[in-house]
Amino acid sequence: MKIPILLYSGEKTNANFSYYSGLGMALYDHSFILIEGKKKILIVSKMNEKLAVETFKFGRVFVYLDLKKDLEKLLKKRKIGIDGRNLNVKIYEFLKKISKPIDISKELSKIRAEKKEIEIEKIRGAVKETKEIIHSIDLKKCKTEKDVEKELLKETLERGLEVAFKPIVSTSKNTSFPHYVPSNVKLKDIILIDYGVKYMGYCGDISRCFILGNGPWKKDYELVKQVQLEIIDEIPNCNFGNELAEFTAKLYKKYGLGEEKHSLGHGIGLEVHEFPSFGIKSRDELKNSVFTVEPGIYRKNWGVRIEDCIYFDGKKVRVL
């Protein structure tokens, strides 16, 4: 970036602050990181001074006493790049008075889309843990969707992990809703679980279906498996998100699946939803990114979805 970058960490830290500061997902509440080329200044309150001094090894720690005056001296009314997606209105209005903020959140996120090997291994760890947790659940001992949700969360805590997002657990007719919230409905016919945990700050995201009884959903399950395999096989022929989206739309038409209810997938990393995106106009590059492939069929009385995390190095595809 040609201009200085100022990133903010509030009540909850955000992925861009974590990534560009080098601090991971540790929470430095009400702190800023000022980045000018290779120079970094971590700006913290007196409360966070000890933590910052002990952990920040990538530049200088600056402890503010009067945030407005101290930041004004550092920024000097200059143009600065900000992560507008993770700034509340109050902080943004404050920055407008002491600088000339320019929202570069999209550019910051696109840079993060290209994953380093160490990031890929962390996502692989998150995927591995997520799969093990999902398949560790004894569905015979669970009576309702809520029972399955509780078991997923219990197993996550016992492994010392964090959730990446709240579990989606649905059964029977409820599987026809892609983002359903689990309730006390009794399990029957088919169970859909969509879940992910964090491993060393990075997220996993996996969807699996479990067939409990005979019905037309079994045929749809096999069809979704076939569609997912065909999408994955096509990835090496695609450079951008829209190309894979167009291929997927043709597959849905070929198999008579109707209109897609959601995108074929999404980037994943420090956040569950990152770049690349897969809209029909997306020119997000796929090379060196990690993303999900999650085709689904949603009928009136049931639905099926299978989701896996993929790494594409530009030539070869790896299912993590």
Protein backbone atom coordinates (compact mmCIF):
# COMPACT_ATOMS: atom_id res chain seq x y z
CA MET A 1 0.00 0.00 0.00
CA LYS A 2 1.28 3.48 -0.89
CA ILE A 3 -0.43 5.18 2.05
CA PRO A 4 -0.16 4.39 5.79
CA ILE A 5 -2.66 1.84 7.09
CA LEU A 6 -4.47 2.19 10.42
CA LEU A 7 -6.35 -0.87 11.72
CA TYR A 8 -8.52 -1.03 14.82
CA SER A 9 -9.21 -3.79 17.34
CA GLY A 10 -12.33 -3.15 19.43
CA GLU A 11 -14.41 -5.29 21.78
CA LYS A 12 -13.77 -8.11 19.34
CA THR A 13 -10.61 -8.34 17.31
CA ASN A 14 -10.85 -8.65 13.54
CA ALA A 15 -8.99 -10.70 10.97
CA ASN A 16 -7.25 -7.81 9.21
CA PHE A 17 -5.89 -6.40 12.48
CA SER A 18 -4.72 -9.90 13.47
CA TYR A 19 -3.12 -10.67 10.11
CA TYR A 20 -1.33 -7.40 9.42
CA SER A 21 -0.17 -6.84 13.00
CA GLY A 22 1.27 -10.35 13.25
CA LEU A 23 -0.47 -10.78 16.61
CA GLY A 24 -2.88 -13.55 15.68
CA MET A 25 -6.37 -13.54 17.15
CA ALA A 26 -5.34 -12.37 20.64
CA LEU A 27 -7.60 -9.52 21.76
CA TYR A 28 -6.06 -6.07 22.17
CA ASP A 29 -9.26 -4.19 22.92
CA HIS A 30 -9.47 -0.57 21.81
CA SER A 31 -6.06 -0.69 20.15
CA PHE A 32 -4.70 0.41 16.77
CA ILE A 33 -1.86 -0.75 14.53
CA LEU A 34 -0.26 1.90 12.28
CA ILE A 35 1.63 0.42 9.34
CA GLU A 36 3.91 2.51 7.12
CA GLY A 37 5.85 0.27 4.76
CA LYS A 38 7.84 -2.10 6.99
CA LYS A 39 7.35 0.12 10.04
CA LYS A 40 4.67 -0.88 12.56
CA ILE A 41 3.43 0.93 15.66
CA LEU A 42 1.03 -0.83 18.05
CA ILE A 43 -1.05 1.84 19.79
CA VAL A 44 -2.55 0.64 23.06
CA SER A 45 -4.09 1.91 26.28
CA LYS A 46 -2.24 1.79 29.59
CA MET A 47 -4.30 -1.29 30.48
CA ASN A 48 -2.82 -3.25 27.56
CA GLU A 49 0.75 -1.93 27.86
CA LYS A 50 2.22 -4.98 29.63
CA LEU A 51 0.60 -7.46 27.24
CA ALA A 52 1.73 -5.44 24.22
CA VAL A 53 5.35 -5.11 25.38
CA GLU A 54 5.58 -8.85 26.07
CA THR A 55 4.00 -10.06 22.83
CA PHE A 56 4.50 -7.45 20.09
CA LYS A 57 7.87 -8.14 18.48
CA PHE A 58 7.24 -6.56 15.07
CA GLY A 59 7.75 -2.87 15.84
CA ARG A 60 7.21 -0.17 18.46
CA VAL A 61 4.59 -0.07 21.22
CA PHE A 62 3.01 3.34 21.77
CA VAL A 63 0.87 3.85 24.90
CA TYR A 64 -1.74 6.55 24.51
CA LEU A 65 -2.90 8.74 27.38
CA ASP A 66 -5.15 11.07 25.37
CA LEU A 67 -6.17 9.02 22.33
CA LYS A 68 -7.37 11.95 20.20
CA LYS A 69 -4.29 14.09 20.77
CA ASP A 70 -1.81 11.22 20.51
CA LEU A 71 -3.33 9.78 17.32
CA GLU A 72 -3.55 13.26 15.80
CA LYS A 73 0.21 13.67 16.30
CA LEU A 74 0.90 10.29 14.66
CA LEU A 75 -1.46 10.74 11.72
CA LYS A 76 -0.77 14.42 11.01
CA LYS A 77 -3.98 14.92 8.99
CA ARG A 78 -2.61 12.53 6.32
CA LYS A 79 -4.47 10.14 4.04
CA ILE A 80 -4.68 6.74 5.75
CA GLY A 81 -6.07 3.41 4.65
CA ILE A 82 -8.69 2.00 7.02
CA ASP A 83 -10.61 -1.26 7.35
CA GLY A 84 -14.08 0.28 7.04
CA ARG A 85 -15.76 -3.12 7.32
CA ASN A 86 -14.54 -3.42 10.91
CA LEU A 87 -14.99 0.15 12.12
CA ASN A 88 -18.05 1.43 13.93
CA VAL A 89 -19.45 4.85 13.04
CA LYS A 90 -18.11 6.48 16.22
CA ILE A 91 -14.49 5.48 15.49
CA TYR A 92 -14.83 6.44 11.82
CA GLU A 93 -16.17 9.91 12.65
CA PHE A 94 -13.35 10.34 15.16
CA LEU A 95 -10.73 9.43 12.52
CA LYS A 96 -12.28 11.85 10.00
CA LYS A 97 -11.48 14.73 12.35
CA ILE A 98 -7.78 13.89 12.63
CA SER A 99 -6.97 12.32 9.23
CA LYS A 100 -8.28 11.60 5.73
CA PRO A 101 -9.50 7.97 5.96
CA ILE A 102 -9.86 5.86 2.80
CA ASP A 103 -11.63 2.50 3.01
CA ILE A 104 -9.28 -0.24 1.71
CA SER A 105 -11.01 -3.18 3.41
CA LYS A 106 -11.56 -4.97 0.09
CA GLU A 107 -7.89 -4.66 -0.89
CA LEU A 108 -6.77 -5.89 2.54
CA SER A 109 -9.04 -8.93 2.33
CA LYS A 110 -7.91 -9.78 -1.21
CA ILE A 111 -4.28 -9.83 -0.10
CA ARG A 112 -5.22 -12.28 2.67
CA ALA A 113 -6.88 -14.59 0.13
CA GLU A 114 -3.48 -15.82 -1.03
CA LYS A 115 -2.60 -18.32 1.68
CA LYS A 116 0.89 -19.11 2.93
CA GLU A 117 1.86 -22.72 3.64
CA ILE A 118 1.63 -22.20 7.41
CA GLU A 119 -1.93 -20.88 6.99
CA ILE A 120 -2.91 -23.85 4.86
CA GLU A 121 -1.68 -26.22 7.57
CA LYS A 122 -3.71 -24.39 10.21
CA ILE A 123 -6.85 -24.59 8.08
CA ARG A 124 -6.08 -28.27 7.48
CA GLY A 125 -5.93 -28.69 11.28
CA ALA A 126 -9.29 -26.95 11.69
CA VAL A 127 -10.84 -29.16 9.01
CA LYS A 128 -9.41 -32.32 10.58
CA GLU A 129 -10.76 -31.41 14.02
CA THR A 130 -14.15 -30.45 12.59
CA LYS A 131 -14.52 -33.74 10.71
CA GLU A 132 -13.52 -35.75 13.78
CA ILE A 133 -16.00 -33.87 15.97
CA ILE A 134 -18.88 -34.36 13.52
CA HIS A 135 -18.20 -38.07 13.12
CA SER A 136 -17.65 -38.59 16.87
CA ILE A 137 -21.32 -37.87 17.59
CA ASP A 138 -23.35 -40.98 18.39
CA LEU A 139 -26.58 -40.10 16.62
CA LYS A 140 -28.32 -43.11 18.15
CA LYS A 141 -28.06 -41.43 21.55
CA CYS A 142 -29.42 -38.10 20.25
CA LYS A 143 -33.17 -37.58 20.03
CA THR A 144 -33.42 -34.02 18.71
CA GLU A 145 -31.51 -31.43 16.66
CA LYS A 146 -30.63 -29.64 19.90
CA ASP A 147 -29.13 -32.85 21.30
CA VAL A 148 -26.77 -33.05 18.32
CA GLU A 149 -25.86 -29.37 18.69
CA LYS A 150 -25.03 -29.89 22.39
CA GLU A 151 -22.83 -32.88 21.61
CA LEU A 152 -20.93 -30.93 18.94
CA LEU A 153 -20.28 -28.05 21.34
CA LYS A 154 -19.36 -30.40 24.19
CA GLU A 155 -16.81 -32.27 22.07
CA THR A 156 -15.37 -28.94 20.86
CA LEU A 157 -14.84 -27.71 24.42
CA GLU A 158 -13.34 -31.02 25.52
CA ARG A 159 -10.76 -30.68 22.75
CA GLY A 160 -9.90 -27.18 23.95
CA LEU A 161 -11.11 -25.58 20.72
CA GLU A 162 -13.31 -22.63 19.77
CA VAL A 163 -16.29 -22.68 17.46
CA ALA A 164 -15.86 -20.93 14.10
CA PHE A 165 -19.65 -20.50 13.87
CA LYS A 166 -22.73 -21.87 15.61
CA PRO A 167 -23.64 -25.39 14.44
CA ILE A 168 -26.35 -25.83 11.85
CA VAL A 169 -28.23 -29.04 12.65
CA SER A 170 -31.44 -29.90 10.81
CA THR A 171 -33.53 -32.98 10.20
CA SER A 172 -36.37 -34.07 7.91
CA LYS A 173 -38.21 -31.07 6.42
CA ASN A 174 -35.89 -28.63 8.17
CA THR A 175 -32.99 -29.72 5.94
CA SER A 176 -34.69 -27.78 3.12
CA PHE A 177 -33.61 -24.52 4.84
CA PRO A 178 -29.88 -23.89 4.12
CA HIS A 179 -29.17 -21.84 7.30
CA TYR A 180 -31.55 -23.42 9.78
CA VAL A 181 -31.28 -22.89 13.57
CA PRO A 182 -31.52 -26.20 15.50
CA SER A 183 -34.60 -26.77 17.67
CA ASN A 184 -36.18 -29.60 19.66
CA VAL A 185 -37.48 -31.38 16.56
CA LYS A 186 -37.01 -35.16 16.73
CA LEU A 187 -34.46 -36.72 14.38
CA LYS A 188 -35.79 -38.74 11.44
CA ASP A 189 -35.21 -39.47 7.74
CA ILE A 190 -32.07 -37.35 7.23
CA ILE A 191 -29.77 -35.17 9.37
CA LEU A 192 -27.70 -32.30 7.97
CA ILE A 193 -24.79 -30.95 10.03
CA ASP A 194 -22.86 -27.83 8.99
CA TYR A 195 -20.12 -26.94 11.47
CA GLY A 196 -16.62 -25.58 11.88
CA VAL A 197 -14.07 -25.05 14.64
CA LYS A 198 -11.00 -22.84 14.91
CA TYR A 199 -7.48 -24.26 15.06
CA MET A 200 -4.68 -21.82 15.92
CA GLY A 201 -6.97 -18.96 14.87
CA TYR A 202 -8.01 -20.45 11.51
CA CYS A 203 -11.46 -21.79 10.63
CA GLY A 204 -12.85 -25.02 9.27
CA ASP A 205 -16.25 -25.43 7.61
CA ILE A 206 -17.70 -28.86 6.82
CA SER A 207 -21.21 -30.08 5.91
CA ARG A 208 -22.28 -33.71 6.14
CA CYS A 209 -25.55 -35.59 5.74
CA PHE A 210 -26.55 -38.72 7.64
CA ILE A 211 -29.31 -40.92 6.20
CA LEU A 212 -31.65 -42.44 8.81
CA GLY A 213 -34.40 -43.83 6.61
CA ASN A 214 -35.22 -44.74 3.04
CA GLY A 215 -36.60 -42.00 0.84
CA PRO A 216 -35.94 -39.82 -2.22
CA TRP A 217 -33.29 -37.87 -0.29
CA LYS A 218 -30.93 -40.86 -0.73
CA LYS A 219 -30.92 -40.33 -4.51
CA ASP A 220 -30.34 -36.60 -4.02
CA TYR A 221 -27.45 -37.34 -1.67
CA GLU A 222 -25.69 -39.40 -4.37
CA LEU A 223 -26.41 -36.68 -6.92
CA VAL A 224 -24.90 -33.96 -4.73
CA LYS A 225 -21.77 -36.09 -4.27
CA GLN A 226 -21.48 -36.36 -8.05
CA VAL A 227 -22.00 -32.61 -8.55
CA GLN A 228 -19.36 -31.78 -5.95
CA LEU A 229 -16.82 -34.11 -7.61
CA GLU A 230 -17.46 -32.50 -10.99
CA ILE A 231 -17.01 -28.99 -9.55
CA ILE A 232 -13.73 -30.00 -7.88
CA ASP A 233 -12.49 -31.61 -11.11
CA GLU A 234 -13.19 -28.36 -12.97
CA ILE A 235 -11.17 -26.11 -10.61
CA PRO A 236 -7.82 -26.49 -12.49
CA ASN A 237 -9.55 -25.11 -15.61
CA CYS A 238 -10.60 -21.92 -13.82
CA ASN A 239 -8.67 -18.77 -12.95
CA PHE A 240 -11.45 -16.71 -11.38
CA GLY A 241 -14.47 -17.22 -9.14
CA ASN A 242 -17.00 -16.37 -11.85
CA GLU A 243 -15.66 -19.14 -14.12
CA LEU A 244 -16.34 -21.81 -11.52
CA ALA A 245 -19.71 -20.21 -10.74
CA GLU A 246 -20.69 -20.40 -14.43
CA PHE A 247 -19.64 -24.05 -14.60
CA THR A 248 -21.70 -24.84 -11.48
CA ALA A 249 -24.78 -23.11 -12.90
CA LYS A 250 -24.50 -25.28 -16.02
CA LEU A 251 -24.23 -28.40 -13.84
CA TYR A 252 -27.41 -27.47 -11.97
CA LYS A 253 -29.18 -27.01 -15.28
CA LYS A 254 -27.76 -30.30 -16.63
CA TYR A 255 -29.10 -32.26 -13.66
CA GLY A 256 -32.38 -30.33 -13.44
CA LEU A 257 -31.66 -28.97 -9.97
CA GLY A 258 -33.22 -25.57 -10.53
CA GLU A 259 -31.82 -22.30 -9.23
CA GLU A 260 -28.95 -22.42 -6.69
CA LYS A 261 -30.08 -21.33 -3.22
CA HIS A 262 -26.59 -20.09 -2.27
CA SER A 263 -23.12 -19.64 -3.70
CA LEU A 264 -21.14 -22.77 -4.64
CA GLY A 265 -18.68 -21.86 -1.87
CA HIS A 266 -16.58 -19.15 -0.23
CA GLY A 267 -13.02 -18.41 0.80
CA ILE A 268 -11.98 -19.43 4.31
CA GLY A 269 -9.13 -18.58 6.69
CA LEU A 270 -9.05 -16.37 9.78
CA GLU A 271 -12.73 -15.78 8.99
CA VAL A 272 -15.34 -18.30 7.90
CA HIS A 273 -16.24 -16.17 4.87
CA GLU A 274 -13.31 -14.61 3.03
CA PHE A 275 -12.15 -14.02 -0.53
CA PRO A 276 -12.35 -15.51 -3.10
CA SER A 277 -16.05 -15.07 -3.75
CA PHE A 278 -18.02 -17.01 -6.35
CA GLY A 279 -20.58 -14.57 -7.67
CA ILE A 280 -21.32 -14.63 -11.38
CA LYS A 281 -19.31 -11.37 -11.70
CA SER A 282 -16.45 -12.35 -9.38
CA ARG A 283 -12.95 -11.80 -10.74
CA ASP A 284 -11.32 -13.06 -7.56
CA GLU A 285 -8.31 -15.22 -8.36
CA LEU A 286 -8.44 -18.84 -7.20
CA LYS A 287 -4.71 -19.55 -7.34
CA ASN A 288 -3.13 -20.12 -3.89
CA SER A 289 -6.46 -19.70 -2.10
CA VAL A 290 -8.46 -21.95 0.22
CA PHE A 291 -12.21 -22.13 -0.32
CA THR A 292 -15.22 -24.35 0.25
CA VAL A 293 -17.21 -26.25 -2.36
CA GLU A 294 -20.74 -26.83 -1.04
CA PRO A 295 -23.37 -27.81 -3.61
CA GLY A 296 -26.85 -28.51 -2.31
CA ILE A 297 -30.30 -29.62 -3.34
CA TYR A 298 -33.27 -28.16 -1.47
CA ARG A 299 -36.65 -29.76 -2.12
CA LYS A 300 -39.98 -28.90 -0.51
CA ASN A 301 -39.67 -31.55 2.23
CA TRP A 302 -35.93 -32.23 2.47
CA GLY A 303 -32.51 -30.90 1.51
CA VAL A 304 -28.99 -32.23 1.02
CA ARG A 305 -25.64 -30.41 1.20
CA ILE A 306 -22.04 -31.63 1.17
CA GLU A 307 -19.21 -29.20 1.91
CA ASP A 308 -15.43 -29.57 1.90
CA CYS A 309 -12.48 -27.18 2.09
CA ILE A 310 -10.22 -27.00 -0.97
CA TYR A 311 -6.70 -25.66 -1.55
CA PHE A 312 -5.76 -24.79 -5.14
CA ASP A 313 -2.13 -23.94 -5.96
CA GLY A 314 -2.91 -22.95 -9.52
CA LYS A 315 -2.35 -26.42 -10.93
CA LYS A 316 -3.40 -29.07 -8.43
CA VAL A 317 -6.40 -29.31 -6.14
CA ARG A 318 -6.15 -30.62 -2.59
CA VAL A 319 -9.21 -31.53 -0.55
CA LEU A 320 -8.19 -30.63 3.00
